[in-house]
């Protein structure tokens, strides 16, 4: 499962994001109302296999 975070909504709800380097952002907590399911990955399929099939 890939979760999509609406960062604008999360920020408006008081979430502080921290840059961890290498294009990675972290937060202590992200409210569920700012999250949605973007994709579901089939069992046995890795993220890399799924990403390459989207291209």
Protein backbone atom coordinates (compact mmCIF):
# COMPACT_ATOMS: atom_id res chain seq x y z
CA UNK A 1 0.00 0.00 0.00
CA UNK A 2 1.27 3.46 -0.83
CA UNK A 3 -0.10 6.32 1.24
CA UNK A 4 -0.39 9.81 -0.19
CA UNK A 5 -0.06 12.64 2.34
CA UNK A 6 -1.77 15.97 1.65
CA UNK A 7 1.04 18.03 3.15
CA UNK A 8 -0.84 21.32 2.91
CA UNK A 9 -3.74 19.94 4.98
CA UNK A 10 -1.33 18.28 7.41
CA UNK A 11 0.59 21.54 7.85
CA UNK A 12 -2.68 23.43 8.46
CA UNK A 13 -3.50 20.84 11.14
CA UNK A 14 -0.21 21.64 12.92
CA UNK A 15 2.13 18.94 11.59
CA UNK A 16 5.81 19.82 11.62
CA UNK A 17 7.82 18.18 8.86
CA UNK A 18 11.56 17.56 9.21
CA UNK A 19 13.95 17.12 6.29
CA UNK A 20 15.94 13.94 6.84
CA UNK A 21 18.06 14.25 3.70
CA UNK A 22 18.06 12.30 0.45
CA UNK A 23 14.53 13.52 -0.51
CA UNK A 24 13.02 12.10 2.72
CA UNK A 25 10.67 14.10 4.97
CA UNK A 26 9.56 12.93 8.42
CA UNK A 27 6.83 13.89 10.87
CA UNK A 28 6.09 12.71 14.39
CA UNK A 29 2.43 12.19 13.56
CA UNK A 30 0.28 12.67 10.45
CA UNK A 31 -3.49 12.98 10.98
CA UNK A 32 -5.49 10.35 9.08
CA UNK A 33 -7.66 13.02 7.43
CA UNK A 34 -4.60 14.19 5.50
CA UNK A 35 -3.83 10.68 4.18
CA UNK A 36 -5.28 8.66 1.34
CA UNK A 37 -4.41 5.34 -0.29
CA UNK A 38 -2.62 5.99 -3.56
CA UNK A 39 -1.99 2.41 -4.67
CA UNK A 40 -2.10 -1.10 -3.36
CA UNK A 41 0.81 -3.37 -4.21
CA UNK A 42 0.00 -7.02 -4.86
CA UNK A 43 1.40 -9.56 -2.41
CA UNK A 44 4.80 -10.80 -3.56
CA UNK A 45 5.47 -7.70 -5.70
CA UNK A 46 8.18 -5.30 -4.55
CA UNK A 47 7.89 -1.51 -4.72
CA UNK A 48 10.54 -1.41 -7.44
CA UNK A 49 8.62 -3.87 -9.63
CA UNK A 50 5.43 -1.83 -9.15
CA UNK A 51 7.15 1.48 -9.95
CA UNK A 52 8.69 0.17 -13.16
CA UNK A 53 5.31 -1.12 -14.36
CA UNK A 54 3.85 2.41 -14.00
CA UNK A 55 6.26 3.83 -16.57
